[in-house]
N, C-alpha and C. Protein backbone atom coordinates (compact mmCIF):
# COMPACT_ATOMS: atom_id res chain seq x y z
N MET A 1 -92.59 -62.48 39.27
CA MET A 1 -93.28 -61.38 39.89
C MET A 1 -94.10 -61.78 38.85
N THR A 2 -95.61 -61.48 39.08
CA THR A 2 -97.09 -62.09 38.32
C THR A 2 -96.83 -60.24 37.88
N MET A 3 -98.42 -60.19 36.98
CA MET A 3 -98.65 -59.87 36.47
C MET A 3 -99.51 -58.27 37.61
N ALA A 4 -99.83 -60.61 38.29
CA ALA A 4 -101.34 -59.28 39.39
C ALA A 4 -100.23 -58.84 39.75
N GLU A 5 -98.93 -58.96 40.86
CA GLU A 5 -98.99 -58.64 41.56
C GLU A 5 -97.64 -57.24 41.48
N ILE A 6 -97.92 -56.99 39.92
CA ILE A 6 -97.66 -55.86 39.80
C ILE A 6 -98.66 -54.72 39.49
N ARG A 7 -99.49 -55.17 39.52
CA ARG A 7 -100.97 -54.52 39.14
C ARG A 7 -101.44 -53.66 40.05
N GLU A 8 -100.98 -54.73 40.88
CA GLU A 8 -101.06 -54.23 42.40
C GLU A 8 -100.76 -52.98 43.31
N MET A 9 -99.33 -53.61 42.71
CA MET A 9 -98.34 -51.79 43.33
C MET A 9 -98.57 -50.38 42.71
N THR A 10 -98.50 -49.07 43.51
CA THR A 10 -98.38 -47.93 43.15
C THR A 10 -97.36 -47.41 42.00
N ASP A 11 -97.62 -46.64 40.83
CA ASP A 11 -96.66 -46.12 40.23
C ASP A 11 -95.73 -45.96 41.02
N VAL A 12 -94.81 -45.37 41.62
CA VAL A 12 -94.55 -44.79 42.59
C VAL A 12 -93.26 -45.61 42.90
N GLU A 13 -94.25 -47.54 42.96
CA GLU A 13 -93.06 -48.33 43.30
C GLU A 13 -93.02 -49.22 41.79
N LEU A 14 -93.51 -48.86 40.94
CA LEU A 14 -93.30 -48.87 39.80
C LEU A 14 -92.16 -48.17 39.67
N ARG A 15 -91.90 -47.96 39.49
CA ARG A 15 -91.35 -45.95 38.81
C ARG A 15 -89.17 -47.42 39.44
N GLN A 16 -90.09 -47.72 41.11
CA GLN A 16 -88.75 -47.52 42.03
C GLN A 16 -88.44 -49.09 41.08
N LYS A 17 -89.41 -50.46 40.91
CA LYS A 17 -88.64 -51.67 40.53
C LYS A 17 -87.83 -51.83 39.20
N ILE A 18 -88.08 -50.25 38.09
CA ILE A 18 -87.85 -50.18 37.10
C ILE A 18 -85.77 -49.87 37.03
N ALA A 19 -85.97 -49.10 37.78
CA ALA A 19 -85.12 -48.48 38.51
C ALA A 19 -84.68 -49.72 38.48
N GLU A 20 -84.42 -50.05 39.71
CA GLU A 20 -83.59 -51.17 40.83
C GLU A 20 -83.06 -52.57 38.94
N PHE A 21 -84.43 -52.73 38.49
CA PHE A 21 -83.94 -53.44 37.99
C PHE A 21 -83.00 -53.12 36.18
N ASP A 22 -83.05 -51.98 36.18
CA ASP A 22 -82.24 -51.42 34.87
C ASP A 22 -80.97 -51.36 35.94
N ARG A 23 -80.72 -51.19 36.79
CA ARG A 23 -79.57 -51.12 37.41
C ARG A 23 -79.09 -52.71 37.52
N GLU A 24 -79.74 -53.72 37.69
CA GLU A 24 -79.34 -54.65 38.05
C GLU A 24 -79.10 -55.73 36.14
N ARG A 25 -79.72 -54.97 35.60
CA ARG A 25 -79.40 -55.20 33.96
C ARG A 25 -78.67 -54.98 33.54
N SER A 26 -77.41 -53.38 34.00
CA SER A 26 -76.17 -52.97 33.17
C SER A 26 -75.18 -53.73 34.69
N GLY A 27 -75.43 -54.23 35.16
CA GLY A 27 -74.31 -55.23 36.26
C GLY A 27 -74.08 -56.25 35.10
N LEU A 28 -75.27 -56.91 34.70
CA LEU A 28 -75.37 -58.19 34.17
C LEU A 28 -74.56 -57.90 32.72
N ARG A 29 -74.90 -56.94 32.32
CA ARG A 29 -73.82 -56.72 30.35
C ARG A 29 -72.70 -56.09 30.81
N PHE A 30 -72.25 -55.60 32.20
CA PHE A 30 -70.88 -55.13 32.49
C PHE A 30 -70.83 -56.72 32.50
N LYS A 31 -70.98 -58.13 33.62
CA LYS A 31 -70.10 -59.08 34.11
C LYS A 31 -70.41 -59.97 32.65
N ALA A 32 -71.24 -59.68 31.65
CA ALA A 32 -71.43 -60.69 30.48
C ALA A 32 -70.32 -60.30 30.28
N ALA A 33 -70.29 -59.21 30.14
CA ALA A 33 -69.00 -58.60 28.79
C ALA A 33 -67.72 -59.06 29.17
N THR A 34 -67.75 -58.87 30.57
CA THR A 34 -66.64 -59.37 30.55
C THR A 34 -65.07 -59.94 31.65
N GLU A 35 -67.17 -61.07 31.91
CA GLU A 35 -66.52 -62.54 32.08
C GLU A 35 -67.80 -63.56 31.55
N VAL A 36 -67.42 -64.64 32.67
CA VAL A 36 -68.59 -65.81 31.95
C VAL A 36 -70.01 -65.65 33.02
N VAL A 37 -71.22 -65.37 32.68
CA VAL A 37 -72.22 -64.97 33.57
C VAL A 37 -72.37 -66.66 34.09
N ALA A 38 -72.96 -67.08 35.30
CA ALA A 38 -73.83 -67.89 36.01
C ALA A 38 -74.38 -68.72 35.82
N ASN A 39 -75.37 -67.78 35.02
CA ASN A 39 -77.11 -68.10 34.64
C ASN A 39 -77.92 -66.71 33.23
N PRO A 40 -76.70 -67.23 32.31
CA PRO A 40 -77.87 -66.08 31.63
C PRO A 40 -79.11 -65.14 31.52
N MET A 41 -79.61 -66.33 31.90
CA MET A 41 -81.20 -66.54 31.90
C MET A 41 -82.17 -65.03 32.57
N ASP A 42 -80.90 -64.97 33.20
CA ASP A 42 -81.50 -63.35 35.10
C ASP A 42 -80.55 -62.97 33.85
N MET A 43 -80.54 -61.93 33.02
CA MET A 43 -80.11 -61.19 31.58
C MET A 43 -81.80 -61.00 31.06
N ARG A 44 -82.31 -62.21 30.69
CA ARG A 44 -83.17 -62.58 29.23
C ARG A 44 -84.40 -61.72 30.64
N SER A 45 -84.88 -62.87 31.34
CA SER A 45 -85.95 -62.01 33.35
C SER A 45 -85.13 -61.10 33.19
N ALA A 46 -84.37 -60.53 33.21
CA ALA A 46 -84.56 -58.79 33.87
C ALA A 46 -85.19 -57.58 32.80
N ARG A 47 -84.53 -58.06 31.62
CA ARG A 47 -85.42 -57.53 30.49
C ARG A 47 -87.31 -57.68 30.99
N ARG A 48 -86.68 -58.62 30.58
CA ARG A 48 -88.83 -58.88 30.50
C ARG A 48 -89.61 -58.54 31.47
N LEU A 49 -88.99 -58.66 33.01
CA LEU A 49 -89.85 -58.21 33.70
C LEU A 49 -89.83 -56.15 33.53
N VAL A 50 -88.44 -55.90 32.93
CA VAL A 50 -88.77 -54.15 32.82
C VAL A 50 -89.47 -53.92 32.38
N ALA A 51 -89.86 -54.42 31.35
CA ALA A 51 -90.96 -54.78 29.47
C ALA A 51 -92.28 -54.50 30.17
N ARG A 52 -92.91 -55.92 31.18
CA ARG A 52 -94.59 -56.17 32.19
C ARG A 52 -93.63 -54.29 33.17
N LEU A 53 -93.40 -54.06 33.46
CA LEU A 53 -93.40 -52.66 34.41
C LEU A 53 -93.79 -51.59 33.62
N HIS A 54 -93.00 -51.46 32.47
CA HIS A 54 -93.55 -50.71 31.66
C HIS A 54 -95.08 -50.06 31.32
N THR A 55 -94.85 -51.79 30.51
CA THR A 55 -96.62 -52.49 29.74
C THR A 55 -97.41 -51.66 31.11
N VAL A 56 -97.04 -51.97 33.03
CA VAL A 56 -98.71 -51.70 33.17
C VAL A 56 -98.73 -49.79 33.39
N LEU A 57 -97.53 -49.53 33.56
CA LEU A 57 -97.60 -48.07 33.57
C LEU A 57 -98.39 -47.72 32.52
N ALA A 58 -98.08 -47.71 31.29
CA ALA A 58 -98.93 -47.74 29.83
C ALA A 58 -100.03 -47.84 29.77
N GLU A 59 -100.18 -48.82 30.48
CA GLU A 59 -101.77 -49.03 30.23
C GLU A 59 -102.14 -48.30 31.38
N ARG A 60 -101.55 -47.66 32.62
CA ARG A 60 -102.29 -46.70 33.36
C ARG A 60 -102.12 -45.49 32.42
N ALA A 61 -101.70 -44.73 32.50
CA ALA A 61 -100.98 -43.33 31.75
C ALA A 61 -102.27 -43.41 30.28
N THR A 62 -103.13 -44.52 29.78
CA THR A 62 -103.90 -44.75 28.74
C THR A 62 -105.38 -44.34 29.55
N LYS A 63 -105.51 -45.37 30.55
CA LYS A 63 -106.77 -45.93 30.74
C LYS A 63 -106.87 -44.15 31.91
N ALA A 64 -106.39 -42.70 31.98
CA ALA A 64 -106.36 -42.08 32.85
C ALA A 64 -106.41 -41.08 31.80
N GLY A 65 -106.63 -41.38 29.85
CA GLY A 65 -106.73 -40.61 29.77
C GLY A 65 -105.25 -39.85 29.18
N ARG A 66 -103.85 -40.07 29.65
CA ARG A 66 -103.06 -38.89 29.46
C ARG A 66 -102.53 -38.66 28.01
């Protein structure tokens, strides 16, 4: 997901995506602790995507003067 695609989303969609990827991250962390993960880069990419989503929300909050 690119930053352009993320910026096109509404705040509600961003929060839904954050919740979705947080659940995915926790599942990957649990799986990594109990067994071998097929692709360890999935954990890294999910973490970075959540950070990008939070960044866009913070930019909008700053821009709105909150």
